PDB file of N, CA and C in Angstrom:
ATOM      1  N   UNK A   1    -100.494 152.752 -74.744  1.00  0.00           N
ATOM      2  CA  UNK A   1     -99.636 152.799 -75.883  1.00  0.00           C
ATOM      3  C   UNK A   1     -98.822 151.137 -75.639  1.00  0.00           C
ATOM      4  N   UNK A   2     -98.088 150.953 -77.046  1.00  0.00           N
ATOM      5  CA  UNK A   2     -97.524 149.521 -77.210  1.00  0.00           C
ATOM      6  C   UNK A   2     -95.794 149.538 -76.664  1.00  0.00           C
ATOM      7  N   UNK A   3     -95.628 148.671 -75.768  1.00  0.00           N
ATOM      8  CA  UNK A   3     -94.014 148.752 -75.581  1.00  0.00           C
ATOM      9  C   UNK A   3     -93.460 148.004 -76.609  1.00  0.00           C
ATOM     10  N   UNK A   4     -92.664 148.374 -77.092  1.00  0.00           N
ATOM     11  CA  UNK A   4     -91.465 147.897 -78.047  1.00  0.00           C
ATOM     12  C   UNK A   4     -90.230 148.230 -77.833  1.00  0.00           C
ATOM     13  N   UNK A   5     -89.470 147.298 -77.122  1.00  0.00           N
ATOM     14  CA  UNK A   5     -88.590 147.301 -76.822  1.00  0.00           C
ATOM     15  C   UNK A   5     -86.839 147.298 -78.066  1.00  0.00           C
ATOM     16  N   UNK A   6     -86.299 147.971 -77.005  1.00  0.00           N
ATOM     17  CA  UNK A   6     -85.153 148.505 -78.235  1.00  0.00           C
ATOM     18  C   UNK A   6     -84.470 146.952 -78.297  1.00  0.00           C
ATOM     19  N   UNK A   7     -83.552 147.270 -79.385  1.00  0.00           N
ATOM     20  CA  UNK A   7     -82.377 145.689 -79.286  1.00  0.00           C
ATOM     21  C   UNK A   7     -81.757 145.538 -77.785  1.00  0.00           C
ATOM     22  N   UNK A   8     -81.161 146.317 -77.252  1.00  0.00           N
ATOM     23  CA  UNK A   8     -80.576 145.861 -75.889  1.00  0.00           C
ATOM     24  C   UNK A   8     -81.486 145.337 -75.201  1.00  0.00           C
ATOM     25  N   UNK A   9     -82.928 145.861 -74.653  1.00  0.00           N
ATOM     26  CA  UNK A   9     -83.777 145.911 -74.159  1.00  0.00           C
ATOM     27  C   UNK A   9     -84.393 144.167 -74.437  1.00  0.00           C
ATOM     28  N   UNK A  10     -84.475 143.669 -76.028  1.00  0.00           N
ATOM     29  CA  UNK A  10     -84.603 142.852 -76.062  1.00  0.00           C
ATOM     30  C   UNK A  10     -83.880 141.161 -75.866  1.00  0.00           C
ATOM     31  N   UNK A  11     -82.307 141.786 -75.751  1.00  0.00           N
ATOM     32  CA  UNK A  11     -81.554 141.027 -75.477  1.00  0.00           C
ATOM     33  C   UNK A  11     -81.645 140.620 -73.933  1.00  0.00           C
ATOM     34  N   UNK A  12     -81.976 141.481 -73.049  1.00  0.00           N
ATOM     35  CA  UNK A  12     -82.224 141.940 -71.500  1.00  0.00           C
ATOM     36  C   UNK A  12     -83.896 140.991 -71.385  1.00  0.00           C
ATOM     37  N   UNK A  13     -84.853 140.799 -71.888  1.00  0.00           N
ATOM     38  CA  UNK A  13     -85.879 140.487 -71.896  1.00  0.00           C
ATOM     39  C   UNK A  13     -85.527 138.612 -72.258  1.00  0.00           C
ATOM     40  N   UNK A  14     -84.748 138.163 -73.469  1.00  0.00           N
ATOM     41  CA  UNK A  14     -84.111 136.580 -73.556  1.00  0.00           C
ATOM     42  C   UNK A  14     -83.529 136.461 -72.448  1.00  0.00           C
ATOM     43  N   UNK A  15     -82.470 137.354 -71.665  1.00  0.00           N
ATOM     44  CA  UNK A  15     -81.499 136.928 -71.027  1.00  0.00           C
ATOM     45  C   UNK A  15     -82.868 136.711 -69.364  1.00  0.00           C
ATOM     46  N   UNK A  16     -83.275 137.626 -69.185  1.00  0.00           N
ATOM     47  CA  UNK A  16     -84.556 137.360 -68.098  1.00  0.00           C
ATOM     48  C   UNK A  16     -85.331 136.114 -68.393  1.00  0.00           C
ATOM     49  N   UNK A  17     -85.510 135.897 -69.430  1.00  0.00           N
ATOM     50  CA  UNK A  17     -86.362 134.635 -69.573  1.00  0.00           C
ATOM     51  C   UNK A  17     -85.716 133.266 -69.563  1.00  0.00           C
ATOM     52  N   UNK A  18     -84.370 133.219 -70.354  1.00  0.00           N
ATOM     53  CA  UNK A  18     -83.445 131.886 -70.508  1.00  0.00           C
ATOM     54  C   UNK A  18     -82.512 131.815 -69.021  1.00  0.00           C
ATOM     55  N   UNK A  19     -82.175 132.944 -68.311  1.00  0.00           N
ATOM     56  CA  UNK A  19     -81.536 132.658 -66.868  1.00  0.00           C
ATOM     57  C   UNK A  19     -82.128 132.622 -65.434  1.00  0.00           C
ATOM     58  N   UNK A  20     -82.698 131.934 -65.352  1.00  0.00           N
ATOM     59  CA  UNK A  20     -83.926 132.256 -63.864  1.00  0.00           C
ATOM     60  C   UNK A  20     -82.713 132.704 -62.456  1.00  0.00           C
ATOM     61  N   UNK A  21     -83.256 133.903 -61.825  1.00  0.00           N
ATOM     62  CA  UNK A  21     -82.322 134.398 -61.052  1.00  0.00           C
ATOM     63  C   UNK A  21     -81.324 135.332 -61.812  1.00  0.00           C
ATOM     64  N   UNK A  22     -81.685 135.675 -62.856  1.00  0.00           N
ATOM     65  CA  UNK A  22     -80.816 136.920 -63.592  1.00  0.00           C
ATOM     66  C   UNK A  22     -80.864 138.489 -62.691  1.00  0.00           C
ATOM     67  N   UNK A  23     -80.233 139.172 -62.869  1.00  0.00           N
ATOM     68  CA  UNK A  23     -80.274 140.515 -62.543  1.00  0.00           C
ATOM     69  C   UNK A  23     -79.969 141.607 -63.600  1.00  0.00           C
ATOM     70  N   UNK A  24     -80.664 142.704 -63.618  1.00  0.00           N
ATOM     71  CA  UNK A  24     -80.592 143.775 -64.542  1.00  0.00           C
ATOM     72  C   UNK A  24     -79.622 144.691 -63.901  1.00  0.00           C
ATOM     73  N   UNK A  25     -78.609 145.059 -64.322  1.00  0.00           N
ATOM     74  CA  UNK A  25     -77.894 145.800 -63.535  1.00  0.00           C
ATOM     75  C   UNK A  25     -77.605 147.215 -64.620  1.00  0.00           C
ATOM     76  N   UNK A  26     -78.498 148.043 -65.170  1.00  0.00           N
ATOM     77  CA  UNK A  26     -79.065 149.003 -66.057  1.00  0.00           C
ATOM     78  C   UNK A  26     -79.083 150.589 -65.432  1.00  0.00           C
ATOM     79  N   UNK A  27     -78.335 151.464 -65.923  1.00  0.00           N
ATOM     80  CA  UNK A  27     -78.457 152.719 -65.243  1.00  0.00           C
ATOM     81  C   UNK A  27     -79.871 153.294 -65.261  1.00  0.00           C
ATOM     82  N   UNK A  28     -80.205 154.146 -64.703  1.00  0.00           N
ATOM     83  CA  UNK A  28     -81.715 154.476 -64.267  1.00  0.00           C
ATOM     84  C   UNK A  28     -81.835 154.842 -65.989  1.00  0.00           C
ATOM     85  N   UNK A  29     -83.296 154.787 -66.182  1.00  0.00           N
ATOM     86  CA  UNK A  29     -84.129 154.872 -67.811  1.00  0.00           C
ATOM     87  C   UNK A  29     -83.569 154.466 -68.582  1.00  0.00           C
ATOM     88  N   UNK A  30     -83.005 153.346 -68.345  1.00  0.00           N
ATOM     89  CA  UNK A  30     -82.720 152.848 -69.531  1.00  0.00           C
ATOM     90  C   UNK A  30     -84.058 151.295 -69.471  1.00  0.00           C
ATOM     91  N   UNK A  31     -85.156 150.981 -68.695  1.00  0.00           N
ATOM     92  CA  UNK A  31     -86.375 150.386 -68.794  1.00  0.00           C
ATOM     93  C   UNK A  31     -86.194 149.038 -68.449  1.00  0.00           C
ATOM     94  N   UNK A  32     -85.178 149.146 -66.950  1.00  0.00           N
ATOM     95  CA  UNK A  32     -85.447 147.679 -66.262  1.00  0.00           C
ATOM     96  C   UNK A  32     -87.103 147.071 -65.988  1.00  0.00           C
ATOM     97  N   UNK A  33     -87.916 148.315 -65.429  1.00  0.00           N
ATOM     98  CA  UNK A  33     -89.111 147.692 -64.902  1.00  0.00           C
ATOM     99  C   UNK A  33     -89.880 147.028 -66.419  1.00  0.00           C
ATOM    100  N   UNK A  34     -89.707 147.920 -67.729  1.00  0.00           N
ATOM    101  CA  UNK A  34     -90.186 147.451 -68.697  1.00  0.00           C
ATOM    102  C   UNK A  34     -89.987 145.847 -69.059  1.00  0.00           C
ATOM    103  N   UNK A  35     -88.821 146.024 -68.875  1.00  0.00           N
ATOM    104  CA  UNK A  35     -88.223 144.661 -69.458  1.00  0.00           C
ATOM    105  C   UNK A  35     -88.450 143.321 -68.426  1.00  0.00           C
ATOM    106  N   UNK A  36     -88.117 143.737 -67.244  1.00  0.00           N
ATOM    107  CA  UNK A  36     -88.682 142.652 -66.212  1.00  0.00           C
ATOM    108  C   UNK A  36     -90.505 142.162 -66.480  1.00  0.00           C
ATOM    109  N   UNK A  37     -91.123 143.692 -66.555  1.00  0.00           N
ATOM    110  CA  UNK A  37     -92.708 143.140 -67.115  1.00  0.00           C
ATOM    111  C   UNK A  37     -92.600 142.231 -68.083  1.00  0.00           C
ATOM    112  N   UNK A  38     -91.671 142.429 -69.249  1.00  0.00           N
ATOM    113  CA  UNK A  38     -92.201 141.810 -70.616  1.00  0.00           C
ATOM    114  C   UNK A  38     -91.939 140.411 -70.457  1.00  0.00           C
ATOM    115  N   UNK A  39     -90.620 140.398 -69.429  1.00  0.00           N
ATOM    116  CA  UNK A  39     -90.094 138.733 -69.301  1.00  0.00           C
ATOM    117  C   UNK A  39     -91.114 137.921 -68.651  1.00  0.00           C
ATOM    118  N   UNK A  40     -91.174 138.789 -67.470  1.00  0.00           N
ATOM    119  CA  UNK A  40     -92.447 138.424 -66.792  1.00  0.00           C
ATOM    120  C   UNK A  40     -93.971 137.901 -67.720  1.00  0.00           C
ATOM    121  N   UNK A  41     -94.204 138.437 -68.541  1.00  0.00           N
ATOM    122  CA  UNK A  41     -95.095 138.316 -69.291  1.00  0.00           C
ATOM    123  C   UNK A  41     -94.894 136.765 -70.674  1.00  0.00           C
ATOM    124  N   UNK A  42     -94.102 136.568 -70.998  1.00  0.00           N
ATOM    125  CA  UNK A  42     -93.226 136.103 -71.741  1.00  0.00           C
ATOM    126  C   UNK A  42     -93.619 134.703 -70.807  1.00  0.00           C
ATOM    127  N   UNK A  43     -92.645 134.258 -69.937  1.00  0.00           N
ATOM    128  CA  UNK A  43     -92.478 133.311 -69.062  1.00  0.00           C
ATOM    129  C   UNK A  43     -93.840 132.949 -68.095  1.00  0.00           C
ATOM    130  N   UNK A  44     -95.119 133.956 -68.046  1.00  0.00           N
ATOM    131  CA  UNK A  44     -96.079 133.491 -68.194  1.00  0.00           C
ATOM    132  C   UNK A  44     -97.065 132.778 -68.909  1.00  0.00           C
ATOM    133  N   UNK A  45     -96.727 133.127 -70.050  1.00  0.00           N
ATOM    134  CA  UNK A  45     -97.353 133.029 -71.340  1.00  0.00           C
ATOM    135  C   UNK A  45     -97.241 131.440 -71.841  1.00  0.00           C
ATOM    136  N   UNK A  46     -95.942 131.024 -71.790  1.00  0.00           N
ATOM    137  CA  UNK A  46     -95.454 129.642 -71.721  1.00  0.00           C
ATOM    138  C   UNK A  46     -95.201 128.554 -70.543  1.00  0.00           C
ATOM    139  N   UNK A  47     -96.589 129.469 -69.707  1.00  0.00           N
ATOM    140  CA  UNK A  47     -96.945 128.295 -68.452  1.00  0.00           C
ATOM    141  C   UNK A  47     -95.383 128.041 -67.565  1.00  0.00           C
ATOM    142  N   UNK A  48     -94.260 128.705 -67.661  1.00  0.00           N
ATOM    143  CA  UNK A  48     -93.089 128.575 -66.903  1.00  0.00           C
ATOM    144  C   UNK A  48     -93.448 129.205 -65.612  1.00  0.00           C
ATOM    145  N   UNK A  49     -94.361 129.994 -65.282  1.00  0.00           N
ATOM    146  CA  UNK A  49     -94.142 130.852 -64.032  1.00  0.00           C
ATOM    147  C   UNK A  49     -95.804 130.998 -63.692  1.00  0.00           C
ATOM    148  N   UNK A  50     -96.016 131.486 -62.327  1.00  0.00           N
ATOM    149  CA  UNK A  50     -97.171 132.004 -62.489  1.00  0.00           C
ATOM    150  C   UNK A  50     -97.004 133.619 -61.580  1.00  0.00           C
ATOM    151  N   UNK A  51     -95.803 134.033 -60.741  1.00  0.00           N
ATOM    152  CA  UNK A  51     -95.500 135.348 -60.334  1.00  0.00           C
ATOM    153  C   UNK A  51     -94.025 135.022 -60.320  1.00  0.00           C
ATOM    154  N   UNK A  52     -93.760 136.810 -59.999  1.00  0.00           N
ATOM    155  CA  UNK A  52     -92.104 137.141 -60.026  1.00  0.00           C
ATOM    156  C   UNK A  52     -92.056 137.777 -58.627  1.00  0.00           C
ATOM    157  N   UNK A  53     -90.941 137.188 -58.369  1.00  0.00           N
ATOM    158  CA  UNK A  53     -90.588 138.404 -56.754  1.00  0.00           C
ATOM    159  C   UNK A  53     -89.249 139.325 -57.406  1.00  0.00           C
ATOM    160  N   UNK A  54     -89.872 140.355 -57.170  1.00  0.00           N
ATOM    161  CA  UNK A  54     -89.134 141.510 -57.837  1.00  0.00           C
ATOM    162  C   UNK A  54     -88.514 142.503 -56.157  1.00  0.00           C
ATOM    163  N   UNK A  55     -87.124 142.754 -56.432  1.00  0.00           N
ATOM    164  CA  UNK A  55     -87.053 143.186 -55.294  1.00  0.00           C
ATOM    165  C   UNK A  55     -85.823 144.906 -55.982  1.00  0.00           C
ATOM    166  N   UNK A  56     -86.372 145.910 -55.285  1.00  0.00           N
ATOM    167  CA  UNK A  56     -86.659 146.840 -55.684  1.00  0.00           C
ATOM    168  C   UNK A  56     -86.865 147.543 -54.534  1.00  0.00           C
ATOM    169  N   UNK A  57     -85.983 149.145 -54.117  1.00  0.00           N
ATOM    170  CA  UNK A  57     -86.595 149.897 -53.410  1.00  0.00           C
ATOM    171  C   UNK A  57     -88.012 150.789 -52.979  1.00  0.00           C
ATOM    172  N   UNK A  58     -88.140 150.955 -52.066  1.00  0.00           N
ATOM    173  CA  UNK A  58     -89.889 151.386 -51.850  1.00  0.00           C
ATOM    174  C   UNK A  58     -90.435 152.613 -52.822  1.00  0.00           C
ATOM    175  N   UNK A  59     -89.363 153.641 -53.143  1.00  0.00           N
ATOM    176  CA  UNK A  59     -89.760 154.592 -53.925  1.00  0.00           C
ATOM    177  C   UNK A  59     -89.888 154.043 -55.480  1.00  0.00           C
ATOM    178  N   UNK A  60     -89.121 153.392 -56.334  1.00  0.00           N
ATOM    179  CA  UNK A  60     -89.754 152.911 -57.359  1.00  0.00           C
ATOM    180  C   UNK A  60     -90.978 151.897 -57.235  1.00  0.00           C
ATOM    181  N   UNK A  61     -90.891 151.303 -56.179  1.00  0.00           N
ATOM    182  CA  UNK A  61     -91.849 150.223 -55.667  1.00  0.00           C
ATOM    183  C   UNK A  61     -93.823 151.114 -55.512  1.00  0.00           C
ATOM    184  N   UNK A  62     -93.658 152.006 -55.649  1.00  0.00           N
ATOM    185  CA  UNK A  62     -94.528 152.867 -55.077  1.00  0.00           C
ATOM    186  C   UNK A  62     -95.048 153.741 -56.777  1.00  0.00           C
ATOM    187  N   UNK A  63     -93.676 153.972 -57.104  1.00  0.00           N
ATOM    188  CA  UNK A  63     -94.195 154.952 -57.674  1.00  0.00           C
ATOM    189  C   UNK A  63     -93.693 154.349 -59.906  1.00  0.00           C
ATOM    190  N   UNK A  64     -92.844 153.922 -60.047  1.00  0.00           N
ATOM    191  CA  UNK A  64     -92.005 153.664 -60.820  1.00  0.00           C
ATOM    192  C   UNK A  64     -93.059 152.233 -61.484  1.00  0.00           C
ATOM    193  N   UNK A  65     -93.360 151.252 -60.846  1.00  0.00           N
ATOM    194  CA  UNK A  65     -93.791 149.991 -61.102  1.00  0.00           C
ATOM    195  C   UNK A  65     -95.383 150.473 -61.239  1.00  0.00           C
ATOM    196  N   UNK A  66     -96.338 151.198 -60.592  1.00  0.00           N
ATOM    197  CA  UNK A  66     -97.741 151.306 -61.106  1.00  0.00           C
ATOM    198  C   UNK A  66     -97.732 152.324 -62.592  1.00  0.00           C
ATOM    199  N   UNK A  67     -96.767 153.023 -62.602  1.00  0.00           N
ATOM    200  CA  UNK A  67     -96.799 153.954 -63.698  1.00  0.00           C
ATOM    201  C   UNK A  67     -96.237 152.943 -64.770  1.00  0.00           C
ATOM    202  N   UNK A  68     -95.779 152.468 -64.944  1.00  0.00           N
ATOM    203  CA  UNK A  68     -95.346 151.195 -66.006  1.00  0.00           C
ATOM    204  C   UNK A  68     -96.313 150.563 -66.422  1.00  0.00           C
ATOM    205  N   UNK A  69     -97.180 149.857 -65.424  1.00  0.00           N
ATOM    206  CA  UNK A  69     -98.206 148.788 -65.968  1.00  0.00           C
ATOM    207  C   UNK A  69     -99.201 149.798 -66.613  1.00  0.00           C
ATOM    208  N   UNK A  70     -99.441 150.734 -66.204  1.00  0.00           N
ATOM    209  CA  UNK A  70    -100.306 151.867 -66.496  1.00  0.00           C
ATOM    210  C   UNK A  70    -100.142 152.218 -67.980  1.00  0.00           C
ATOM    211  N   UNK A  71     -98.984 152.129 -68.179  1.00  0.00           N
ATOM    212  CA  UNK A  71     -98.206 153.112 -69.212  1.00  0.00           C
ATOM    213  C   UNK A  71     -98.565 152.002 -70.829  1.00  0.00           C
ATOM    214  N   UNK A  72     -98.249 150.793 -70.617  1.00  0.00           N
ATOM    215  CA  UNK A  72     -98.070 150.114 -72.132  1.00  0.00           C
ATOM    216  C   UNK A  72     -99.263 148.883 -71.858  1.00  0.00           C
ATOM    217  N   UNK A  73    -100.089 148.871 -73.035  1.00  0.00           N
ATOM    218  CA  UNK A  73    -100.633 148.156 -72.862  1.00  0.00           C
ATOM    219  C   UNK A  73    -101.057 146.527 -72.804  1.00  0.00           C
ATOM    220  N   UNK A  74     -99.779 146.088 -73.048  1.00  0.00           N
ATOM    221  CA  UNK A  74     -99.354 144.808 -72.837  1.00  0.00           C
ATOM    222  C   UNK A  74     -99.103 144.230 -71.483  1.00  0.00           C
ATOM    223  N   UNK A  75     -99.238 145.493 -70.248  1.00  0.00           N
ATOM    224  CA  UNK A  75     -98.706 144.743 -68.870  1.00  0.00           C
ATOM    225  C   UNK A  75    -100.013 145.541 -68.115  1.00  0.00           C
ATOM    226  N   UNK A  76    -101.246 145.735 -68.770  1.00  0.00           N
ATOM    227  CA  UNK A  76    -102.355 146.861 -67.923  1.00  0.00           C
ATOM    228  C   UNK A  76    -103.004 145.769 -67.165  1.00  0.00           C
ATOM    229  N   UNK A  77    -103.321 144.439 -67.785  1.00  0.00           N
ATOM    230  CA  UNK A  77    -103.463 143.153 -66.945  1.00  0.00           C
ATOM    231  C   UNK A  77    -102.907 142.480 -65.999  1.00  0.00           C
ATOM    232  N   UNK A  78    -101.467 142.864 -65.593  1.00  0.00           N
ATOM    233  CA  UNK A  78    -100.749 142.429 -64.601  1.00  0.00           C
ATOM    234  C   UNK A  78    -101.012 143.225 -62.755  1.00  0.00           C
ATOM    235  N   UNK A  79    -101.512 142.353 -62.182  1.00  0.00           N
ATOM    236  CA  UNK A  79    -101.330 142.617 -60.788  1.00  0.00           C
ATOM    237  C   UNK A  79    -100.456 143.046 -59.947  1.00  0.00           C
ATOM    238  N   UNK A  80    -100.119 144.128 -59.653  1.00  0.00           N
ATOM    239  CA  UNK A  80     -98.959 144.405 -58.376  1.00  0.00           C
ATOM    240  C   UNK A  80     -98.953 143.970 -57.059  1.00  0.00           C
TER     241      UNK A  80
END
């Protein structure tokens, strides 16, 4: 499945790409994981980064992140 960000998600991806050290303070279910993955892919594509450090509670790290990487086609190449 292709990830098609909503307008607010696209703005958040732009923020992540333009502001190093930015934080996503969004409610649950608003797409923080996909936004972060998309921002990482954009920055990696432009050679700006090689890796991303994400600070996340253990439960989402083990459940949400792997599921999101498998769910969206453009993130399947990423290594967690």
